[in-house]
N, C-alpha and C. Protein backbone atom coordinates (compact mmCIF):
# COMPACT_ATOMS: atom_id res chain seq x y z
N MET A 1 46.88 -5.03 -6.44
CA MET A 1 45.84 -4.80 -7.43
C MET A 1 44.75 -5.83 -7.35
N ARG A 2 45.14 -7.10 -7.11
CA ARG A 2 44.19 -8.17 -7.04
C ARG A 2 43.32 -8.01 -5.81
N MET A 3 43.84 -7.51 -4.71
CA MET A 3 43.04 -7.30 -3.48
C MET A 3 42.01 -6.21 -3.68
N GLN A 4 42.39 -5.16 -4.41
CA GLN A 4 41.51 -4.04 -4.70
C GLN A 4 40.29 -4.49 -5.52
N SER A 5 40.52 -5.35 -6.53
CA SER A 5 39.43 -5.85 -7.33
C SER A 5 38.53 -6.76 -6.58
N ARG A 6 39.04 -7.52 -5.61
CA ARG A 6 38.21 -8.37 -4.75
C ARG A 6 37.31 -7.53 -3.82
N VAL A 7 37.88 -6.48 -3.27
CA VAL A 7 37.08 -5.58 -2.43
C VAL A 7 35.99 -4.91 -3.23
N ILE A 8 36.31 -4.42 -4.39
CA ILE A 8 35.27 -3.77 -5.26
C ILE A 8 34.25 -4.76 -5.67
N GLY A 9 34.65 -5.98 -5.99
CA GLY A 9 33.67 -7.02 -6.34
C GLY A 9 32.79 -7.39 -5.19
N GLY A 10 33.36 -7.50 -4.00
CA GLY A 10 32.57 -7.78 -2.80
C GLY A 10 31.54 -6.71 -2.49
N VAL A 11 31.94 -5.47 -2.60
CA VAL A 11 31.01 -4.36 -2.35
C VAL A 11 29.91 -4.37 -3.44
N LEU A 12 30.27 -4.66 -4.66
CA LEU A 12 29.27 -4.65 -5.75
C LEU A 12 28.26 -5.81 -5.50
N VAL A 13 28.74 -6.99 -5.11
CA VAL A 13 27.85 -8.15 -4.86
C VAL A 13 26.95 -7.80 -3.67
N ALA A 14 27.45 -7.24 -2.62
CA ALA A 14 26.66 -6.90 -1.46
C ALA A 14 25.56 -5.86 -1.78
N THR A 15 25.97 -4.90 -2.60
CA THR A 15 25.00 -3.87 -2.97
C THR A 15 23.88 -4.45 -3.87
N LEU A 16 24.24 -5.28 -4.79
CA LEU A 16 23.27 -5.91 -5.63
C LEU A 16 22.31 -6.83 -4.89
N LEU A 17 22.86 -7.54 -3.91
CA LEU A 17 21.99 -8.39 -3.12
C LEU A 17 20.99 -7.63 -2.29
N THR A 18 21.42 -6.49 -1.76
CA THR A 18 20.48 -5.68 -1.02
C THR A 18 19.41 -5.10 -1.87
N GLN A 19 19.75 -4.74 -3.12
CA GLN A 19 18.77 -4.19 -4.03
C GLN A 19 17.84 -5.23 -4.58
N LEU A 20 18.32 -6.46 -4.76
CA LEU A 20 17.49 -7.52 -5.28
C LEU A 20 16.43 -7.98 -4.31
N SER A 21 16.64 -7.73 -3.05
CA SER A 21 15.71 -8.25 -2.04
C SER A 21 14.67 -7.22 -1.66
N ALA A 22 13.97 -6.61 -2.58
CA ALA A 22 12.87 -5.70 -2.47
C ALA A 22 12.64 -5.06 -1.10
N CYS A 23 12.54 -3.78 -1.09
CA CYS A 23 12.37 -3.01 0.14
C CYS A 23 11.15 -3.39 0.94
N GLY A 24 9.97 -3.41 0.33
CA GLY A 24 8.72 -3.72 1.05
C GLY A 24 8.69 -5.07 1.67
N THR A 25 9.29 -6.01 0.94
CA THR A 25 9.35 -7.41 1.43
C THR A 25 10.23 -7.51 2.67
N LEU A 26 11.29 -6.74 2.72
CA LEU A 26 12.16 -6.75 3.88
C LEU A 26 11.59 -5.99 5.06
N PHE A 27 11.08 -4.76 4.79
CA PHE A 27 10.59 -3.88 5.84
C PHE A 27 9.26 -4.30 6.47
N PHE A 28 8.38 -4.82 5.62
CA PHE A 28 7.03 -5.18 6.08
C PHE A 28 6.66 -6.59 5.66
N PRO A 29 7.29 -7.62 6.24
CA PRO A 29 6.95 -9.01 5.80
C PRO A 29 5.53 -9.38 6.15
N ASP A 30 4.87 -8.71 7.06
CA ASP A 30 3.49 -9.02 7.43
C ASP A 30 2.51 -8.58 6.35
N ARG A 31 2.93 -7.76 5.42
CA ARG A 31 2.06 -7.30 4.32
C ARG A 31 2.01 -8.26 3.16
N ARG A 32 2.86 -9.25 3.15
CA ARG A 32 2.92 -10.13 1.99
C ARG A 32 1.60 -10.92 1.90
N GLY A 33 1.19 -11.15 0.67
CA GLY A 33 -0.07 -11.89 0.44
C GLY A 33 -1.23 -11.01 0.09
N GLN A 34 -1.07 -9.72 0.16
CA GLN A 34 -2.14 -8.78 -0.24
C GLN A 34 -2.27 -8.76 -1.74
N ILE A 35 -3.52 -8.62 -2.22
CA ILE A 35 -3.74 -8.62 -3.66
C ILE A 35 -3.88 -7.25 -4.20
N GLU A 36 -4.47 -6.35 -3.44
CA GLU A 36 -4.71 -4.97 -3.90
C GLU A 36 -4.78 -4.06 -2.69
N GLY A 37 -4.92 -2.78 -2.99
CA GLY A 37 -4.99 -1.77 -1.94
C GLY A 37 -4.30 -0.50 -2.40
N LYS A 38 -4.14 0.44 -1.44
CA LYS A 38 -3.44 1.65 -1.73
C LYS A 38 -1.96 1.36 -1.67
N VAL A 39 -1.20 1.96 -2.58
CA VAL A 39 0.22 1.76 -2.64
C VAL A 39 0.88 2.63 -1.59
N ASP A 40 1.80 2.02 -0.85
CA ASP A 40 2.59 2.74 0.18
C ASP A 40 3.62 3.61 -0.46
N PRO A 41 3.57 4.96 -0.34
CA PRO A 41 4.49 5.85 -1.01
C PRO A 41 5.96 5.70 -0.51
N VAL A 42 6.13 5.26 0.75
CA VAL A 42 7.48 5.07 1.25
C VAL A 42 8.17 3.93 0.51
N ILE A 43 7.49 2.85 0.33
CA ILE A 43 8.07 1.66 -0.38
C ILE A 43 8.32 2.00 -1.82
N VAL A 44 7.41 2.75 -2.44
CA VAL A 44 7.58 3.14 -3.84
C VAL A 44 8.84 4.01 -3.95
N ALA A 45 9.02 4.97 -3.02
CA ALA A 45 10.20 5.83 -3.05
C ALA A 45 11.49 5.03 -2.87
N LEU A 46 11.47 4.08 -1.94
CA LEU A 46 12.67 3.23 -1.77
C LEU A 46 12.96 2.38 -2.96
N ASP A 47 11.96 1.80 -3.58
CA ASP A 47 12.18 1.05 -4.81
C ASP A 47 12.65 1.97 -5.97
N ALA A 48 12.15 3.17 -5.99
CA ALA A 48 12.56 4.13 -7.05
C ALA A 48 13.99 4.53 -6.88
N ILE A 49 14.46 4.65 -5.62
CA ILE A 49 15.85 4.90 -5.40
C ILE A 49 16.71 3.73 -5.95
N GLY A 50 16.19 2.53 -5.80
CA GLY A 50 16.90 1.37 -6.38
C GLY A 50 17.00 1.49 -7.87
N ILE A 51 15.92 1.99 -8.54
CA ILE A 51 15.99 2.16 -10.01
C ILE A 51 16.97 3.25 -10.31
N LEU A 52 17.05 4.30 -9.52
CA LEU A 52 17.91 5.43 -9.81
C LEU A 52 19.40 4.98 -9.82
N PHE A 53 19.78 4.13 -8.85
CA PHE A 53 21.16 3.71 -8.80
C PHE A 53 21.46 2.46 -9.64
N TYR A 54 20.55 1.49 -9.60
CA TYR A 54 20.76 0.22 -10.32
C TYR A 54 19.45 -0.12 -11.02
N VAL A 55 19.36 0.06 -12.31
CA VAL A 55 18.09 -0.05 -12.99
C VAL A 55 17.50 -1.46 -12.89
N ILE A 56 18.23 -2.47 -13.20
CA ILE A 56 17.68 -3.84 -13.22
C ILE A 56 17.25 -4.28 -11.78
N PRO A 57 18.15 -4.12 -10.77
CA PRO A 57 17.69 -4.51 -9.42
C PRO A 57 16.58 -3.69 -8.90
N GLY A 58 16.48 -2.41 -9.28
CA GLY A 58 15.34 -1.58 -8.87
C GLY A 58 14.04 -2.10 -9.45
N LEU A 59 14.06 -2.45 -10.74
CA LEU A 59 12.89 -2.97 -11.38
C LEU A 59 12.52 -4.34 -10.76
N ILE A 60 13.51 -5.14 -10.40
CA ILE A 60 13.21 -6.39 -9.72
C ILE A 60 12.59 -6.16 -8.39
N ALA A 61 13.08 -5.11 -7.65
CA ALA A 61 12.49 -4.77 -6.37
C ALA A 61 11.03 -4.44 -6.51
N PHE A 62 10.68 -3.61 -7.50
CA PHE A 62 9.30 -3.27 -7.79
C PHE A 62 8.50 -4.52 -8.09
N GLY A 63 9.04 -5.33 -8.91
CA GLY A 63 8.33 -6.59 -9.29
C GLY A 63 8.06 -7.50 -8.11
N VAL A 64 9.06 -7.62 -7.28
CA VAL A 64 8.89 -8.52 -6.08
C VAL A 64 7.88 -7.93 -5.10
N ASP A 65 7.96 -6.60 -4.93
CA ASP A 65 6.99 -5.96 -4.01
C ASP A 65 5.56 -6.08 -4.51
N PHE A 66 5.39 -5.87 -5.82
CA PHE A 66 4.00 -5.99 -6.36
C PHE A 66 3.56 -7.49 -6.33
N ALA A 67 4.47 -8.36 -6.66
CA ALA A 67 4.09 -9.80 -6.73
C ALA A 67 3.76 -10.33 -5.32
N THR A 68 4.47 -9.90 -4.31
CA THR A 68 4.17 -10.40 -2.96
C THR A 68 3.11 -9.57 -2.25
N GLY A 69 2.79 -8.37 -2.76
CA GLY A 69 1.76 -7.58 -2.14
C GLY A 69 2.31 -6.69 -1.03
N ALA A 70 3.65 -6.70 -0.80
CA ALA A 70 4.23 -5.92 0.23
C ALA A 70 4.21 -4.40 0.02
N ILE A 71 3.93 -4.02 -1.24
CA ILE A 71 3.95 -2.59 -1.56
C ILE A 71 2.63 -1.92 -1.17
N TYR A 72 1.63 -2.70 -0.86
CA TYR A 72 0.30 -2.15 -0.53
C TYR A 72 0.22 -1.85 0.96
N LEU A 73 -0.52 -0.78 1.29
CA LEU A 73 -0.77 -0.47 2.71
C LEU A 73 -1.71 -1.49 3.30
N PRO A 74 -1.62 -1.77 4.59
CA PRO A 74 -2.55 -2.72 5.20
C PRO A 74 -4.00 -2.24 5.09
N GLU A 75 -4.87 -3.14 4.86
CA GLU A 75 -6.30 -2.84 4.67
C GLU A 75 -6.92 -2.41 6.00
N GLY A 76 -7.73 -1.37 5.92
CA GLY A 76 -8.53 -0.93 7.06
C GLY A 76 -7.79 -0.13 8.13
N GLN A 77 -6.56 0.21 7.92
CA GLN A 77 -5.83 1.01 8.85
C GLN A 77 -5.80 2.41 8.42
N SER A 78 -5.95 3.35 9.38
CA SER A 78 -5.87 4.74 9.05
C SER A 78 -5.06 5.44 10.10
N ALA A 79 -4.54 6.60 9.74
CA ALA A 79 -3.74 7.37 10.70
C ALA A 79 -4.42 8.72 10.95
N GLN A 80 -5.65 8.91 10.49
CA GLN A 80 -6.27 10.18 10.65
C GLN A 80 -7.61 9.98 11.36
N ILE A 81 -7.98 11.05 12.10
CA ILE A 81 -9.27 11.04 12.81
C ILE A 81 -9.99 12.31 12.42
N ASP A 82 -11.28 12.21 12.21
CA ASP A 82 -12.08 13.35 11.83
C ASP A 82 -11.96 14.36 12.94
N PRO A 83 -11.62 15.59 12.64
CA PRO A 83 -11.48 16.65 13.66
C PRO A 83 -12.81 16.83 14.49
N GLN A 84 -13.95 16.57 13.91
CA GLN A 84 -15.18 16.71 14.68
C GLN A 84 -15.27 15.71 15.81
N LEU A 85 -14.63 14.58 15.68
CA LEU A 85 -14.66 13.57 16.72
C LEU A 85 -13.77 14.03 17.93
N LEU A 86 -12.81 14.88 17.63
CA LEU A 86 -11.95 15.35 18.69
C LEU A 86 -12.65 16.28 19.68
N HIS A 87 -13.82 16.84 19.27
CA HIS A 87 -14.61 17.68 20.14
C HIS A 87 -15.00 16.91 21.44
N GLN A 88 -15.16 15.62 21.30
CA GLN A 88 -15.55 14.78 22.46
C GLN A 88 -14.49 14.79 23.54
N SER A 89 -13.24 15.06 23.19
CA SER A 89 -12.15 15.01 24.19
C SER A 89 -11.90 16.34 24.85
N ILE A 90 -12.62 17.40 24.47
CA ILE A 90 -12.41 18.74 25.03
C ILE A 90 -13.46 18.91 26.11
N GLY A 91 -12.97 19.28 27.30
CA GLY A 91 -13.84 19.48 28.46
C GLY A 91 -14.52 20.81 28.42
N ALA A 92 -15.38 21.07 29.41
CA ALA A 92 -16.12 22.30 29.46
C ALA A 92 -15.23 23.54 29.68
N ASP A 93 -14.04 23.26 30.30
CA ASP A 93 -13.10 24.36 30.58
C ASP A 93 -12.20 24.66 29.37
N GLY A 94 -12.35 23.92 28.27
CA GLY A 94 -11.57 24.13 27.06
C GLY A 94 -10.24 23.34 27.06
N GLN A 95 -10.03 22.55 28.08
CA GLN A 95 -8.83 21.74 28.15
C GLN A 95 -9.07 20.34 27.59
N VAL A 96 -8.04 19.77 27.06
CA VAL A 96 -8.14 18.41 26.46
C VAL A 96 -8.05 17.37 27.63
N ASP A 97 -9.00 16.52 27.72
CA ASP A 97 -8.99 15.44 28.72
C ASP A 97 -8.26 14.24 28.10
N PRO A 98 -7.05 13.88 28.66
CA PRO A 98 -6.26 12.83 28.09
C PRO A 98 -7.01 11.50 28.04
N LEU A 99 -7.81 11.20 29.01
CA LEU A 99 -8.52 9.89 29.03
C LEU A 99 -9.59 9.80 27.91
N LYS A 100 -10.28 10.93 27.70
CA LYS A 100 -11.26 10.99 26.60
C LYS A 100 -10.57 10.92 25.29
N LEU A 101 -9.45 11.63 25.12
CA LEU A 101 -8.69 11.60 23.88
C LEU A 101 -8.21 10.21 23.59
N LYS A 102 -7.69 9.54 24.62
CA LYS A 102 -7.21 8.16 24.44
C LYS A 102 -8.35 7.24 23.96
N ALA A 103 -9.55 7.43 24.54
CA ALA A 103 -10.70 6.63 24.17
C ALA A 103 -11.08 6.87 22.73
N VAL A 104 -11.08 8.16 22.28
CA VAL A 104 -11.46 8.48 20.92
C VAL A 104 -10.46 7.83 19.93
N ILE A 105 -9.18 8.00 20.23
CA ILE A 105 -8.14 7.47 19.34
C ILE A 105 -8.25 5.97 19.28
N GLU A 106 -8.47 5.29 20.41
CA GLU A 106 -8.54 3.83 20.41
C GLU A 106 -9.77 3.37 19.64
N ARG A 107 -10.89 4.04 19.80
CA ARG A 107 -12.09 3.62 19.13
C ARG A 107 -12.00 3.82 17.63
N GLU A 108 -11.40 4.95 17.19
CA GLU A 108 -11.31 5.25 15.75
C GLU A 108 -10.19 4.50 14.99
N THR A 109 -9.04 4.31 15.65
CA THR A 109 -7.92 3.70 14.94
C THR A 109 -7.65 2.28 15.38
N GLY A 110 -8.13 1.89 16.53
CA GLY A 110 -7.89 0.52 17.02
C GLY A 110 -6.57 0.39 17.73
N HIS A 111 -5.84 1.53 17.89
CA HIS A 111 -4.55 1.54 18.58
C HIS A 111 -4.66 2.20 19.91
N SER A 112 -4.09 1.61 20.94
CA SER A 112 -4.10 2.18 22.26
C SER A 112 -2.75 2.94 22.46
N LEU A 113 -2.87 4.24 22.60
CA LEU A 113 -1.69 5.05 22.79
C LEU A 113 -1.43 5.27 24.26
N PRO A 114 -0.19 5.29 24.71
CA PRO A 114 0.14 5.51 26.11
C PRO A 114 0.19 6.99 26.45
N LEU A 115 -1.02 7.64 26.51
CA LEU A 115 -1.12 9.06 26.79
C LEU A 115 -0.78 9.38 28.23
N ASP A 116 -0.73 8.33 29.05
CA ASP A 116 -0.39 8.54 30.52
C ASP A 116 1.08 8.30 30.79
N ASP A 117 1.85 8.08 29.72
CA ASP A 117 3.29 7.81 29.90
C ASP A 117 3.98 9.06 30.36
N PRO A 118 4.82 9.01 31.37
CA PRO A 118 5.54 10.19 31.88
C PRO A 118 6.49 10.80 30.87
N ARG A 119 6.92 10.03 29.87
CA ARG A 119 7.80 10.55 28.86
C ARG A 119 7.11 11.34 27.77
N LEU A 120 5.75 11.40 27.79
CA LEU A 120 5.02 12.10 26.77
C LEU A 120 5.21 13.59 26.89
N ILE A 121 5.52 14.21 25.79
CA ILE A 121 5.76 15.66 25.74
C ILE A 121 4.50 16.29 25.16
N GLN A 122 3.87 17.18 25.90
CA GLN A 122 2.67 17.85 25.45
C GLN A 122 3.03 19.25 25.00
N GLN A 123 2.51 19.65 23.83
CA GLN A 123 2.82 20.97 23.33
C GLN A 123 1.49 21.71 23.17
N ARG A 124 1.53 23.00 23.41
CA ARG A 124 0.35 23.79 23.25
C ARG A 124 0.25 24.30 21.81
N GLY A 125 -0.95 24.46 21.33
CA GLY A 125 -1.17 24.98 19.98
C GLY A 125 -1.62 26.42 20.03
N SER A 126 -1.69 27.01 18.85
CA SER A 126 -2.11 28.43 18.77
C SER A 126 -3.58 28.43 18.35
N LEU A 127 -4.17 29.61 18.41
CA LEU A 127 -5.56 29.78 17.99
C LEU A 127 -5.70 29.52 16.49
N GLN A 128 -4.66 29.81 15.70
CA GLN A 128 -4.71 29.54 14.26
C GLN A 128 -4.76 28.08 13.98
N GLN A 129 -4.04 27.29 14.78
CA GLN A 129 -4.08 25.82 14.58
C GLN A 129 -5.44 25.29 14.92
N LEU A 130 -6.01 25.77 16.00
CA LEU A 130 -7.37 25.32 16.37
C LEU A 130 -8.39 25.68 15.29
N ALA A 131 -8.29 26.89 14.72
CA ALA A 131 -9.16 27.33 13.67
C ALA A 131 -9.01 26.51 12.41
N ALA A 132 -7.82 26.05 12.13
CA ALA A 132 -7.60 25.21 10.95
C ALA A 132 -8.34 23.89 11.03
N TYR A 133 -8.53 23.37 12.27
CA TYR A 133 -9.26 22.13 12.47
C TYR A 133 -10.74 22.39 12.80
N GLY A 134 -11.15 23.60 12.74
CA GLY A 134 -12.54 23.91 12.99
C GLY A 134 -12.93 23.91 14.47
N LEU A 135 -11.94 24.00 15.33
CA LEU A 135 -12.17 23.98 16.80
C LEU A 135 -12.14 25.40 17.35
N HIS A 136 -12.96 25.69 18.36
CA HIS A 136 -13.01 27.01 18.95
C HIS A 136 -12.61 26.87 20.42
N PRO A 137 -11.76 27.73 20.92
CA PRO A 137 -11.40 27.70 22.32
C PRO A 137 -12.59 28.06 23.20
N ALA A 138 -12.79 27.29 24.24
CA ALA A 138 -13.93 27.49 25.14
C ALA A 138 -13.53 28.40 26.31
N ALA A 139 -12.28 28.57 26.53
CA ALA A 139 -11.85 29.35 27.72
C ALA A 139 -11.78 30.82 27.46
């Protein structure tokens, strides 16, 4: 009986320690020190799960993430590109030029993607997908 209570106590202590150490602060330590910005929905969801299971540690996680600034998305980063800019990467034959696409992505997002990687899997889209982005097939 005594061993069972020690195991339960150990699991409870480990669980509370993980919840007390705020999700955003653990996952994104480089974001600490931000004062404002857009709130990261992933971190909010993880902190909310903490509130769902353990109210006080979940609230502490929210407090720590807001106090350290780890809950905010990094300033100036985006994951979207205007579809009109993607026209630059389509050749005269209607095919996407990987080098031009890489240049557009690098210029707009600041990230260099390895589009020449042999592990890259390319998928073809449908005419409906092109129309949704305002693109017209040239072939």
